[in-house]
Amino acid sequence: MRLKIVTPDRIMLNQPVSRIVAEGPDGAFGMLPLHVDFVTQLVPGILVYEDRQGREHYAGINSGTLVKCGAEVLVSTRGAVLSDDLERLRRRVAAEFRQTDETERAARAALARLEAQMVRRFRELDLPS
């Protein structure tokens, strides 16, 4: 089967695999090439995949959706970090997802300021002259 991991800005992985282990809201699950087609949410965690030579690889996933259709497995996620070493993956995930959280927090703060300015402007329009 072919595993493709995509984020909003790029294709992180697109390669044949022989096994996938991921985690959904109801717990971890595994997939082999003849697994039934389905769709599920993914919770933040580690997706494990095995290449055709039997080597395990890891992807830190920042939540997302997994779609299995035929021989294709598509993982769509806000963020992913790939590694062959779990400790290196842990460090990279902590750093990259922390940066993403800080960026999102700054964007929410900017949006809140913009909304507050809009409310003030609307109130100024309603004031009698």
C-alpha atoms as a PDB file:
ATOM      1  CA  MET A   1       0.000   0.000   0.000  1.00  0.00           C
ATOM      2  CA  ARG A   2       1.097   3.607  -0.487  1.00  0.00           C
ATOM      3  CA  LEU A   3       1.224   6.055   2.429  1.00  0.00           C
ATOM      4  CA  LYS A   4       0.956   9.752   1.718  1.00  0.00           C
ATOM      5  CA  ILE A   5       1.238  12.285   4.567  1.00  0.00           C
ATOM      6  CA  VAL A   6       0.254  15.819   3.585  1.00  0.00           C
ATOM      7  CA  THR A   7       0.241  19.102   5.488  1.00  0.00           C
ATOM      8  CA  PRO A   8      -1.287  22.393   4.314  1.00  0.00           C
ATOM      9  CA  ASP A   9       1.982  23.450   2.719  1.00  0.00           C
ATOM     10  CA  ARG A  10       3.600  20.253   1.394  1.00  0.00           C
ATOM     11  CA  ILE A  11       3.660  16.499   0.879  1.00  0.00           C
ATOM     12  CA  MET A  12       5.734  15.143   3.759  1.00  0.00           C
ATOM     13  CA  LEU A  13       5.805  11.501   2.634  1.00  0.00           C
ATOM     14  CA  ASN A  14       4.703   9.519  -0.403  1.00  0.00           C
ATOM     15  CA  GLN A  15       6.033   5.970  -0.437  1.00  0.00           C
ATOM     16  CA  PRO A  16       5.047   2.303  -0.419  1.00  0.00           C
ATOM     17  CA  VAL A  17       4.711   0.762   3.052  1.00  0.00           C
ATOM     18  CA  SER A  18       3.896  -2.701   4.352  1.00  0.00           C
ATOM     19  CA  ARG A  19       2.346  -1.761   7.722  1.00  0.00           C
ATOM     20  CA  ILE A  20       0.912   1.285   9.505  1.00  0.00           C
ATOM     21  CA  VAL A  21       0.096   1.809  13.183  1.00  0.00           C
ATOM     22  CA  ALA A  22      -1.737   5.008  14.134  1.00  0.00           C
ATOM     23  CA  GLU A  23      -3.887   6.342  16.940  1.00  0.00           C
ATOM     24  CA  GLY A  24      -7.487   7.458  16.624  1.00  0.00           C
ATOM     25  CA  PRO A  25      -9.938   8.750  19.234  1.00  0.00           C
ATOM     26  CA  ASP A  26     -10.785   5.170  20.255  1.00  0.00           C
ATOM     27  CA  GLY A  27      -7.160   4.004  20.564  1.00  0.00           C
ATOM     28  CA  ALA A  28      -4.362   2.627  18.438  1.00  0.00           C
ATOM     29  CA  PHE A  29      -5.008   0.532  15.334  1.00  0.00           C
ATOM     30  CA  GLY A  30      -2.901  -1.225  12.733  1.00  0.00           C
ATOM     31  CA  MET A  31      -3.268  -1.579   8.988  1.00  0.00           C
ATOM     32  CA  LEU A  32      -1.868  -4.103   6.543  1.00  0.00           C
ATOM     33  CA  PRO A  33      -2.178  -3.874   2.729  1.00  0.00           C
ATOM     34  CA  LEU A  34      -5.528  -5.699   2.478  1.00  0.00           C
ATOM     35  CA  HIS A  35      -7.161  -3.742   5.315  1.00  0.00           C
ATOM     36  CA  VAL A  36     -10.755  -2.659   4.715  1.00  0.00           C
ATOM     37  CA  ASP A  37     -11.270   0.894   3.429  1.00  0.00           C
ATOM     38  CA  PHE A  38     -12.232   3.460   6.063  1.00  0.00           C
ATOM     39  CA  VAL A  39     -11.879   7.018   7.342  1.00  0.00           C
ATOM     40  CA  THR A  40     -10.915   8.063  10.873  1.00  0.00           C
ATOM     41  CA  GLN A  41      -9.667  11.016  12.818  1.00  0.00           C
ATOM     42  CA  LEU A  42      -6.135  10.907  14.187  1.00  0.00           C
ATOM     43  CA  VAL A  43      -5.229  12.271  17.586  1.00  0.00           C
ATOM     44  CA  PRO A  44      -1.868  13.934  18.209  1.00  0.00           C
ATOM     45  CA  GLY A  45       0.693  11.175  18.519  1.00  0.00           C
ATOM     46  CA  ILE A  46       3.104   8.941  16.654  1.00  0.00           C
ATOM     47  CA  LEU A  47       2.246   7.160  13.435  1.00  0.00           C
ATOM     48  CA  VAL A  48       4.521   4.163  12.831  1.00  0.00           C
ATOM     49  CA  TYR A  49       5.047   2.825   9.334  1.00  0.00           C
ATOM     50  CA  GLU A  50       7.178  -0.002   8.026  1.00  0.00           C
ATOM     51  CA  ASP A  51       8.872   0.217   4.651  1.00  0.00           C
ATOM     52  CA  ARG A  52       9.049  -2.744   2.291  1.00  0.00           C
ATOM     53  CA  GLN A  53      12.465  -3.721   3.696  1.00  0.00           C
ATOM     54  CA  GLY A  54      10.910  -4.149   7.170  1.00  0.00           C
ATOM     55  CA  ARG A  55      12.419  -0.987   8.747  1.00  0.00           C
ATOM     56  CA  GLU A  56      10.218   1.073  11.061  1.00  0.00           C
ATOM     57  CA  HIS A  57       9.892   4.821  10.617  1.00  0.00           C
ATOM     58  CA  TYR A  58       7.984   7.377  12.686  1.00  0.00           C
ATOM     59  CA  ALA A  59       5.839  10.433  12.039  1.00  0.00           C
ATOM     60  CA  GLY A  60       4.787  12.792  14.794  1.00  0.00           C
ATOM     61  CA  ILE A  61       1.265  13.860  13.843  1.00  0.00           C
ATOM     62  CA  ASN A  62      -0.464  16.982  15.135  1.00  0.00           C
ATOM     63  CA  SER A  63      -3.977  15.479  14.761  1.00  0.00           C
ATOM     64  CA  GLY A  64      -5.577  14.962  11.375  1.00  0.00           C
ATOM     65  CA  THR A  65      -7.577  12.584   9.210  1.00  0.00           C
ATOM     66  CA  LEU A  66      -6.645   9.191   7.777  1.00  0.00           C
ATOM     67  CA  VAL A  67      -8.398   7.897   4.653  1.00  0.00           C
ATOM     68  CA  LYS A  68      -7.776   4.326   3.453  1.00  0.00           C
ATOM     69  CA  CYS A  69      -9.095   3.697  -0.058  1.00  0.00           C
ATOM     70  CA  GLY A  70      -7.849   0.710  -2.012  1.00  0.00           C
ATOM     71  CA  ALA A  71      -4.068   0.625  -1.886  1.00  0.00           C
ATOM     72  CA  GLU A  72      -3.807   4.319  -0.894  1.00  0.00           C
ATOM     73  CA  VAL A  73      -3.600   5.656   2.655  1.00  0.00           C
ATOM     74  CA  LEU A  74      -3.812   9.439   2.882  1.00  0.00           C
ATOM     75  CA  VAL A  75      -3.022  11.226   6.141  1.00  0.00           C
ATOM     76  CA  SER A  76      -3.963  14.884   6.129  1.00  0.00           C
ATOM     77  CA  THR A  77      -2.612  16.782   9.132  1.00  0.00           C
ATOM     78  CA  ARG A  78      -1.852  20.318  10.293  1.00  0.00           C
ATOM     79  CA  GLY A  79       1.718  19.313  11.093  1.00  0.00           C
ATOM     80  CA  ALA A  80       3.995  16.303  10.828  1.00  0.00           C
ATOM     81  CA  VAL A  81       7.593  15.515  11.737  1.00  0.00           C
ATOM     82  CA  LEU A  82       9.354  12.474  10.253  1.00  0.00           C
ATOM     83  CA  SER A  83      12.224  10.530  11.824  1.00  0.00           C
ATOM     84  CA  ASP A  84      13.781   7.087  12.111  1.00  0.00           C
ATOM     85  CA  ASP A  85      14.771   7.715  15.743  1.00  0.00           C
ATOM     86  CA  LEU A  86      12.129   8.132  18.475  1.00  0.00           C
ATOM     87  CA  GLU A  87      14.236  10.378  20.724  1.00  0.00           C
ATOM     88  CA  ARG A  88      15.104  12.709  17.848  1.00  0.00           C
ATOM     89  CA  LEU A  89      11.434  12.697  16.853  1.00  0.00           C
ATOM     90  CA  ARG A  90      10.394  13.644  20.394  1.00  0.00           C
ATOM     91  CA  ARG A  91      12.758  16.633  20.439  1.00  0.00           C
ATOM     92  CA  ARG A  92      11.743  17.832  16.971  1.00  0.00           C
ATOM     93  CA  VAL A  93       8.030  17.446  17.703  1.00  0.00           C
ATOM     94  CA  ALA A  94       8.353  19.402  20.939  1.00  0.00           C
ATOM     95  CA  ALA A  95      10.199  22.232  19.202  1.00  0.00           C
ATOM     96  CA  GLU A  96       8.122  22.432  16.013  1.00  0.00           C
ATOM     97  CA  PHE A  97       4.692  21.990  17.578  1.00  0.00           C
ATOM     98  CA  ARG A  98       5.585  24.494  20.334  1.00  0.00           C
ATOM     99  CA  GLN A  99       6.436  27.019  17.599  1.00  0.00           C
ATOM    100  CA  THR A 100       3.125  26.254  15.871  1.00  0.00           C
ATOM    101  CA  ASP A 101       1.228  26.768  19.149  1.00  0.00           C
ATOM    102  CA  GLU A 102       2.978  30.106  19.722  1.00  0.00           C
ATOM    103  CA  THR A 103       2.187  31.242  16.170  1.00  0.00           C
ATOM    104  CA  GLU A 104      -1.473  30.256  16.578  1.00  0.00           C
ATOM    105  CA  ARG A 105      -1.637  32.016  19.943  1.00  0.00           C
ATOM    106  CA  ALA A 106      -0.233  35.220  18.379  1.00  0.00           C
ATOM    107  CA  ALA A 107      -2.714  34.977  15.497  1.00  0.00           C
ATOM    108  CA  ARG A 108      -5.635  34.553  17.937  1.00  0.00           C
ATOM    109  CA  ALA A 109      -4.439  37.584  19.923  1.00  0.00           C
ATOM    110  CA  ALA A 110      -4.218  39.678  16.735  1.00  0.00           C
ATOM    111  CA  LEU A 111      -7.713  38.562  15.728  1.00  0.00           C
ATOM    112  CA  ALA A 112      -9.066  39.467  19.184  1.00  0.00           C
ATOM    113  CA  ARG A 113      -7.532  42.966  18.880  1.00  0.00           C
ATOM    114  CA  LEU A 114      -9.041  43.380  15.414  1.00  0.00           C
ATOM    115  CA  GLU A 115     -12.485  42.323  16.674  1.00  0.00           C
ATOM    116  CA  ALA A 116     -12.226  44.742  19.612  1.00  0.00           C
ATOM    117  CA  GLN A 117     -11.350  47.582  17.237  1.00  0.00           C
ATOM    118  CA  MET A 118     -14.318  46.720  15.021  1.00  0.00           C
ATOM    119  CA  VAL A 119     -16.679  46.744  18.016  1.00  0.00           C
ATOM    120  CA  ARG A 120     -15.332  50.186  19.080  1.00  0.00           C
ATOM    121  CA  ARG A 121     -15.831  51.530  15.537  1.00  0.00           C
ATOM    122  CA  PHE A 122     -19.409  50.237  15.394  1.00  0.00           C
ATOM    123  CA  ARG A 123     -20.141  51.841  18.761  1.00  0.00           C
ATOM    124  CA  GLU A 124     -18.732  55.138  17.507  1.00  0.00           C
ATOM    125  CA  LEU A 125     -21.107  54.964  14.533  1.00  0.00           C
ATOM    126  CA  ASP A 126     -24.087  54.533  16.877  1.00  0.00           C
ATOM    127  CA  LEU A 127     -23.216  57.534  19.094  1.00  0.00           C
ATOM    128  CA  PRO A 128     -25.512  60.538  18.618  1.00  0.00           C
ATOM    129  CA  SER A 129     -23.830  63.674  17.248  1.00  0.00           C
END
